[in-house]
């Protein structure tokens, strides 16, 4: 039985705790870690962890912990992952992988040197429909991929700290890093250039203080092998959580996702039609989180490669930086390294 510690007891951390507290074969939620006593106590009460730590350094000193799940603020990821590798513990790290590409490189190098697994939390790859789409692409059902389009709309009002896009990256980082990962996955190629435009349409009251803030953007991408990409992202859409995909091939196309939460429709005598809207990513990807966790555990037990690597995490960080650079400069941003 693989003993796991989840570091970070916030909303995303609790999703992972729920998976490891009985939903994943071969794994056991042994411990949780968070500096907030109330958060630790709630996690122990709700998910039955045997141990609770206030300091993540103490997690590294516990010989019974085999693997950690890092769900802390991004700025802490590098130090925790490098320390875990030195302690011989396998690592699952939520996105964004780190604050910079250099930090990603350090994390990858540390885990490689220690011989431990490093998996990044892009759970959309484990959503059932997305996996079926990838299988269809690999089987050649739509011919050669020509264009991959992905959109994500989030309903929540931006938090105050998000308005400084030099720190938060805005929707390009907060909403759409998952989209970037899916585009690379479906295209099977690295991004060569991006061009992004955006604007502030829902929060005009902050425009004077935060003139660079944008709540919506559209981006075109070109891949090193000639494929095309499009990403559209928005925050504070208010109507609900929305994620959809289209993959166009030379001989067909694939559509993934829908706006409504359920498949039923209600039609009434006054001529209206109603379908319940999906209100949260936590509902839409609830099963994907479990499959993602199972894949991580299986990779450790079977000594198999993880499906979402440190390189994948690093490329998403790169695309977030390139996208914001393009949006703020109003120019096409090229990456001559093609993922090197």
Protein backbone atom coordinates (compact mmCIF):
# COMPACT_ATOMS: atom_id res chain seq x y z
CA UNK A 1 0.00 0.00 0.00
CA UNK A 2 1.42 3.35 -1.09
CA UNK A 3 1.24 5.93 1.73
CA UNK A 4 0.40 9.41 0.46
CA UNK A 5 0.52 12.86 2.05
CA UNK A 6 -1.42 15.76 0.54
CA UNK A 7 0.34 19.09 1.19
CA UNK A 8 -2.24 21.88 1.08
CA UNK A 9 -5.70 21.48 2.58
CA UNK A 10 -7.61 24.01 0.49
CA UNK A 11 -10.37 23.27 -2.03
CA UNK A 12 -8.12 21.57 -4.59
CA UNK A 13 -6.23 19.70 -1.89
CA UNK A 14 -9.46 18.29 -0.52
CA UNK A 15 -10.36 16.96 -3.98
CA UNK A 16 -7.13 14.95 -3.96
CA UNK A 17 -7.72 13.82 -0.37
CA UNK A 18 -11.12 12.47 -1.34
CA UNK A 19 -9.51 10.42 -4.13
CA UNK A 20 -6.81 8.91 -1.93
CA UNK A 21 -9.15 8.25 1.01
CA UNK A 22 -10.58 5.16 -0.64
CA UNK A 23 -11.05 5.90 -4.33
CA UNK A 24 -7.62 4.80 -5.56
CA UNK A 25 -6.44 1.18 -5.59
CA UNK A 26 -3.15 0.55 -3.84
CA UNK A 27 -2.98 3.91 -2.06
CA UNK A 28 -3.69 5.19 1.42
CA UNK A 29 -4.09 8.77 2.62
CA UNK A 30 -1.68 8.58 5.54
CA UNK A 31 -1.11 12.28 6.19
CA UNK A 32 -2.12 15.83 5.40
CA UNK A 33 -0.16 19.05 5.76
CA UNK A 34 -1.19 22.69 6.07
CA UNK A 35 0.01 25.60 8.24
CA UNK A 36 -3.60 26.40 9.19
CA UNK A 37 -4.73 24.34 12.17
CA UNK A 38 -8.41 24.55 11.26
CA UNK A 39 -7.74 23.31 7.73
CA UNK A 40 -5.69 20.37 9.04
CA UNK A 41 -8.33 19.41 11.59
CA UNK A 42 -11.11 19.56 9.00
CA UNK A 43 -9.12 17.38 6.59
CA UNK A 44 -8.42 14.75 9.24
CA UNK A 45 -12.07 14.69 10.32
CA UNK A 46 -13.42 14.46 6.78
CA UNK A 47 -10.92 12.06 5.20
CA UNK A 48 -9.49 10.04 8.06
CA UNK A 49 -5.78 10.77 7.69
CA UNK A 50 -3.71 9.34 10.55
CA UNK A 51 -1.18 12.16 10.67
CA UNK A 52 -1.32 15.94 10.27
CA UNK A 53 1.66 18.25 9.83
CA UNK A 54 1.86 22.03 10.04
CA UNK A 55 5.28 22.24 8.37
CA UNK A 56 6.00 20.49 5.07
CA UNK A 57 9.61 19.92 6.14
CA UNK A 58 8.29 17.43 8.72
CA UNK A 59 6.61 15.49 5.91
CA UNK A 60 9.99 14.88 4.31
CA UNK A 61 11.32 13.45 7.59
CA UNK A 62 8.49 10.89 7.88
CA UNK A 63 9.86 7.58 6.55
CA UNK A 64 6.37 6.09 6.21
CA UNK A 65 5.30 8.55 3.52
CA UNK A 66 6.03 7.19 0.04
CA UNK A 67 4.55 9.95 -2.12
CA UNK A 68 3.33 13.52 -1.80
CA UNK A 69 0.66 15.53 -3.59
CA UNK A 70 1.62 19.23 -3.78
CA UNK A 71 -1.37 21.58 -3.75
CA UNK A 72 0.25 24.71 -2.32
CA UNK A 73 0.69 28.20 -3.78
CA UNK A 74 2.84 27.99 -6.92
CA UNK A 75 5.77 29.84 -5.38
CA UNK A 76 6.31 26.95 -2.95
CA UNK A 77 6.32 24.14 -5.52
CA UNK A 78 10.01 24.17 -6.39
CA UNK A 79 11.30 23.91 -2.81
CA UNK A 80 8.82 21.20 -1.80
CA UNK A 81 9.39 19.05 -4.88
CA UNK A 82 13.19 19.27 -4.69
CA UNK A 83 13.09 18.36 -0.99
CA UNK A 84 10.73 15.46 -1.63
CA UNK A 85 13.03 14.08 -4.31
CA UNK A 86 15.98 14.28 -1.93
CA UNK A 87 13.90 12.36 0.61
CA UNK A 88 13.12 9.66 -1.97
CA UNK A 89 9.43 10.46 -2.19
CA UNK A 90 7.44 10.34 -5.42
CA UNK A 91 5.75 13.60 -6.40
CA UNK A 92 2.44 14.64 -7.87
CA UNK A 93 2.48 18.43 -8.36
CA UNK A 94 -0.55 20.49 -9.24
CA UNK A 95 -0.41 23.03 -12.05
CA UNK A 96 1.05 25.51 -12.62
CA UNK A 97 4.19 23.47 -12.13
CA UNK A 98 6.32 26.42 -10.98
CA UNK A 99 6.83 30.16 -11.23
CA UNK A 100 9.43 29.91 -14.00
CA UNK A 101 10.94 27.50 -16.49
CA UNK A 102 14.21 27.44 -14.53
CA UNK A 103 12.33 26.22 -11.45
CA UNK A 104 10.69 23.53 -13.60
CA UNK A 105 14.13 22.41 -14.78
CA UNK A 106 15.36 22.15 -11.19
CA UNK A 107 12.34 20.06 -10.20
CA UNK A 108 12.74 17.73 -13.18
CA UNK A 109 16.47 17.32 -12.55
CA UNK A 110 15.98 16.60 -8.83
CA UNK A 111 13.38 13.89 -9.47
CA UNK A 112 15.41 12.33 -12.28
CA UNK A 113 18.53 12.23 -10.10
CA UNK A 114 16.62 10.64 -7.22
CA UNK A 115 14.83 8.14 -9.44
CA UNK A 116 11.35 9.20 -8.24
CA UNK A 117 8.25 9.83 -10.32
CA UNK A 118 7.11 13.39 -11.09
CA UNK A 119 3.61 13.87 -12.45
CA UNK A 120 1.92 17.22 -13.13
CA UNK A 121 -1.77 17.83 -12.42
CA UNK A 122 -3.35 18.31 -15.83
CA UNK A 123 -6.45 16.28 -15.01
CA UNK A 124 -8.24 17.12 -18.26
CA UNK A 125 -6.15 14.46 -20.01
CA UNK A 126 -7.91 11.93 -17.79
CA UNK A 127 -11.45 13.07 -18.57
CA UNK A 128 -13.13 10.16 -20.35
CA UNK A 129 -14.25 12.05 -23.45
CA UNK A 130 -10.80 13.60 -23.91
CA UNK A 131 -9.20 10.16 -23.68
CA UNK A 132 -11.62 8.79 -26.29
CA UNK A 133 -10.75 11.75 -28.53
CA UNK A 134 -7.01 11.01 -28.22
CA UNK A 135 -7.62 7.35 -29.02
CA UNK A 136 -9.58 8.34 -32.14
CA UNK A 137 -6.78 10.68 -33.26
CA UNK A 138 -4.10 8.03 -32.69
CA UNK A 139 -6.20 5.50 -34.64
CA UNK A 140 -6.33 7.87 -37.61
CA UNK A 141 -10.12 8.18 -37.55
CA UNK A 142 -10.07 11.84 -38.62
CA UNK A 143 -6.95 11.69 -40.74
CA UNK A 144 -4.15 14.09 -39.89
CA UNK A 145 -4.85 16.74 -37.26
CA UNK A 146 -5.06 20.20 -38.80
CA UNK A 147 -6.48 22.44 -36.06
CA UNK A 148 -7.15 22.10 -32.32
CA UNK A 149 -9.46 24.61 -30.62
CA UNK A 150 -10.17 24.80 -26.89
CA UNK A 151 -12.12 27.21 -24.72
CA UNK A 152 -12.55 27.63 -20.99
CA UNK A 153 -14.92 30.11 -19.32
CA UNK A 154 -14.90 30.49 -15.54
CA UNK A 155 -17.84 32.00 -13.63
CA UNK A 156 -16.09 33.43 -10.57
CA UNK A 157 -15.38 37.11 -9.96
CA UNK A 158 -11.60 37.70 -10.01
CA UNK A 159 -9.93 37.97 -6.63
CA UNK A 160 -8.25 41.29 -5.93
CA UNK A 161 -4.71 39.96 -6.38
CA UNK A 162 -5.55 38.67 -9.87
CA UNK A 163 -5.92 42.16 -11.33
CA UNK A 164 -2.12 42.51 -11.38
CA UNK A 165 -1.50 40.39 -14.47
CA UNK A 166 2.26 40.69 -14.03
CA UNK A 167 1.79 38.37 -11.05
CA UNK A 168 -1.38 36.41 -11.83
CA UNK A 169 -1.08 36.29 -15.66
CA UNK A 170 -4.87 36.78 -15.76
CA UNK A 171 -7.05 34.22 -17.54
CA UNK A 172 -4.11 33.06 -19.69
CA UNK A 173 -2.58 31.58 -16.55
CA UNK A 174 -5.52 31.15 -14.20
CA UNK A 175 -8.02 29.69 -16.67
CA UNK A 176 -6.30 28.40 -19.79
CA UNK A 177 -3.06 26.59 -18.89
CA UNK A 178 -5.12 23.39 -19.09
CA UNK A 179 -6.12 24.33 -22.64
CA UNK A 180 -2.47 24.77 -23.63
CA UNK A 181 -1.67 21.31 -22.32
CA UNK A 182 -4.55 19.74 -24.24
CA UNK A 183 -3.52 21.46 -27.48
CA UNK A 184 0.02 20.09 -27.19
CA UNK A 185 -1.33 16.63 -26.32
CA UNK A 186 -3.75 16.43 -29.22
CA UNK A 187 -1.40 18.07 -31.73
CA UNK A 188 1.61 15.98 -30.72
CA UNK A 189 3.87 18.94 -31.40
CA UNK A 190 5.39 21.94 -29.65
CA UNK A 191 4.14 25.50 -30.14
CA UNK A 192 6.29 27.73 -32.34
CA UNK A 193 4.42 31.03 -32.00
CA UNK A 194 1.42 32.65 -30.33
CA UNK A 195 -0.61 35.80 -30.87
CA UNK A 196 -3.09 36.96 -28.24
CA UNK A 197 -5.60 39.79 -27.92
CA UNK A 198 -7.87 40.55 -24.98
CA UNK A 199 -9.89 43.09 -23.07
CA UNK A 200 -11.63 44.00 -19.83
CA UNK A 201 -15.36 43.63 -20.48
CA UNK A 202 -16.82 42.71 -17.08
CA UNK A 203 -14.85 44.74 -14.53
CA UNK A 204 -14.70 48.34 -15.85
CA UNK A 205 -14.51 49.62 -12.28
CA UNK A 206 -10.89 48.41 -11.98
CA UNK A 207 -9.69 49.73 -15.35
CA UNK A 208 -8.12 52.91 -13.96
CA UNK A 209 -6.16 51.13 -11.22
CA UNK A 210 -5.34 48.05 -13.31
CA UNK A 211 -5.22 49.14 -16.97
CA UNK A 212 -3.59 45.88 -18.08
CA UNK A 213 -6.32 43.69 -16.61
CA UNK A 214 -8.23 41.61 -19.14
CA UNK A 215 -11.04 39.16 -18.40
CA UNK A 216 -11.31 37.68 -21.90
CA UNK A 217 -8.76 36.74 -24.53
CA UNK A 218 -8.41 34.95 -27.85
CA UNK A 219 -5.16 33.36 -28.97
CA UNK A 220 -3.93 31.73 -32.15
CA UNK A 221 -1.01 29.31 -32.05
CA UNK A 222 1.20 27.74 -34.69
CA UNK A 223 2.94 24.43 -34.07
CA UNK A 224 6.43 23.45 -35.15
CA UNK A 225 5.03 20.85 -37.57
CA UNK A 226 2.54 23.25 -39.19
CA UNK A 227 -0.61 22.46 -37.20
CA UNK A 228 -2.85 25.32 -36.06
CA UNK A 229 -4.28 26.05 -32.63
CA UNK A 230 -6.81 28.38 -31.03
CA UNK A 231 -7.49 29.06 -27.34
CA UNK A 232 -10.22 31.25 -25.95
CA UNK A 233 -10.50 32.04 -22.25
CA UNK A 234 -12.62 34.20 -19.98
CA UNK A 235 -13.20 34.88 -16.29
CA UNK A 236 -16.32 36.11 -14.52
CA UNK A 237 -18.70 34.92 -17.26
CA UNK A 238 -21.28 34.33 -14.47
CA UNK A 239 -23.48 31.91 -16.45
CA UNK A 240 -21.49 28.84 -15.34
CA UNK A 241 -18.33 26.83 -15.98
CA UNK A 242 -17.74 26.01 -19.64
CA UNK A 243 -15.07 23.91 -21.36
CA UNK A 244 -15.27 22.59 -24.91
CA UNK A 245 -12.90 21.27 -27.56
CA UNK A 246 -12.82 20.77 -31.32
CA UNK A 247 -10.19 18.82 -33.22
CA UNK A 248 -10.31 19.21 -37.01
CA UNK A 249 -8.60 16.63 -39.19
CA UNK A 250 -8.09 16.12 -42.91
CA UNK A 251 -10.90 13.52 -42.96
CA UNK A 252 -13.18 14.40 -40.04
CA UNK A 253 -13.54 16.22 -36.74
CA UNK A 254 -14.05 15.54 -33.04
CA UNK A 255 -16.13 17.60 -30.60
CA UNK A 256 -15.64 17.26 -26.84
CA UNK A 257 -17.79 18.83 -24.13
CA UNK A 258 -21.10 20.62 -23.80
CA UNK A 259 -22.42 23.64 -21.93
CA UNK A 260 -25.24 21.96 -19.95
CA UNK A 261 -24.43 20.01 -16.80
CA UNK A 262 -26.93 17.25 -17.54
CA UNK A 263 -28.23 15.66 -20.74
CA UNK A 264 -31.94 16.18 -20.00
CA UNK A 265 -33.99 19.09 -21.37
CA UNK A 266 -37.24 20.52 -20.00
CA UNK A 267 -39.71 22.07 -22.48
CA UNK A 268 -42.69 23.92 -21.02
CA UNK A 269 -46.05 25.19 -22.33
CA UNK A 270 -44.85 28.80 -22.50
CA UNK A 271 -42.39 27.85 -25.23
CA UNK A 272 -39.22 27.89 -23.12
CA UNK A 273 -36.56 25.18 -23.00
CA UNK A 274 -34.37 24.70 -19.96
CA UNK A 275 -31.23 22.66 -19.33
CA UNK A 276 -29.19 22.92 -16.10
CA UNK A 277 -25.81 24.61 -16.61
CA UNK A 278 -22.60 23.20 -15.21
CA UNK A 279 -21.54 25.51 -12.38
CA UNK A 280 -18.09 24.25 -11.42
CA UNK A 281 -14.97 22.50 -12.69
CA UNK A 282 -15.08 20.38 -9.54
CA UNK A 283 -18.20 18.67 -10.90
CA UNK A 284 -17.13 18.46 -14.54
CA UNK A 285 -13.78 16.78 -13.77
CA UNK A 286 -14.75 14.82 -10.63
CA UNK A 287 -14.03 11.43 -12.24
CA UNK A 288 -10.93 12.70 -14.04
CA UNK A 289 -9.28 13.50 -10.70
CA UNK A 290 -9.73 9.90 -9.55
CA UNK A 291 -8.36 8.47 -12.81
CA UNK A 292 -5.45 10.90 -12.63
CA UNK A 293 -4.58 9.78 -9.09
CA UNK A 294 -4.91 6.11 -10.05
CA UNK A 295 -2.55 6.63 -12.97
CA UNK A 296 0.03 8.22 -10.67
CA UNK A 297 -0.13 5.32 -8.20
CA UNK A 298 0.01 2.73 -10.99
CA UNK A 299 3.09 4.41 -12.48
CA UNK A 300 4.86 4.12 -9.12
CA UNK A 301 3.80 0.53 -8.43
CA UNK A 302 4.54 -0.68 -11.97
CA UNK A 303 7.61 1.56 -12.41
CA UNK A 304 6.01 2.88 -15.60
CA UNK A 305 6.29 6.35 -17.15
CA UNK A 306 3.80 8.96 -15.93
CA UNK A 307 1.42 10.30 -18.56
CA UNK A 308 1.85 13.98 -17.70
CA UNK A 309 5.54 14.72 -17.28
CA UNK A 310 7.60 17.55 -15.89
CA UNK A 311 8.30 18.57 -19.48
CA UNK A 312 4.56 18.94 -20.05
CA UNK A 313 4.35 21.17 -16.98
CA UNK A 314 7.29 23.25 -18.15
CA UNK A 315 5.78 23.75 -21.61
CA UNK A 316 2.53 25.01 -20.08
CA UNK A 317 4.50 27.54 -18.01
CA UNK A 318 6.32 28.64 -21.17
CA UNK A 319 3.08 29.14 -23.08
CA UNK A 320 1.55 31.19 -20.27
CA UNK A 321 4.55 33.54 -20.37
CA UNK A 322 4.49 33.71 -24.18
CA UNK A 323 0.74 34.36 -24.21
CA UNK A 324 0.87 37.23 -21.72
CA UNK A 325 3.87 38.71 -23.52
CA UNK A 326 1.92 38.66 -26.80
CA UNK A 327 -1.20 40.16 -25.26
CA UNK A 328 0.64 43.02 -23.55
CA UNK A 329 2.95 43.77 -26.49
CA UNK A 330 0.37 43.35 -29.24
CA UNK A 331 2.77 41.27 -31.29
CA UNK A 332 3.37 37.67 -32.33
CA UNK A 333 5.74 35.91 -29.93
CA UNK A 334 7.93 33.16 -31.37
CA UNK A 335 9.65 30.29 -29.61
CA UNK A 336 12.60 29.22 -31.72
CA UNK A 337 13.44 26.48 -29.23
CA UNK A 338 10.36 24.41 -30.21
CA UNK A 339 10.09 22.97 -26.68
CA UNK A 340 13.83 22.43 -26.06
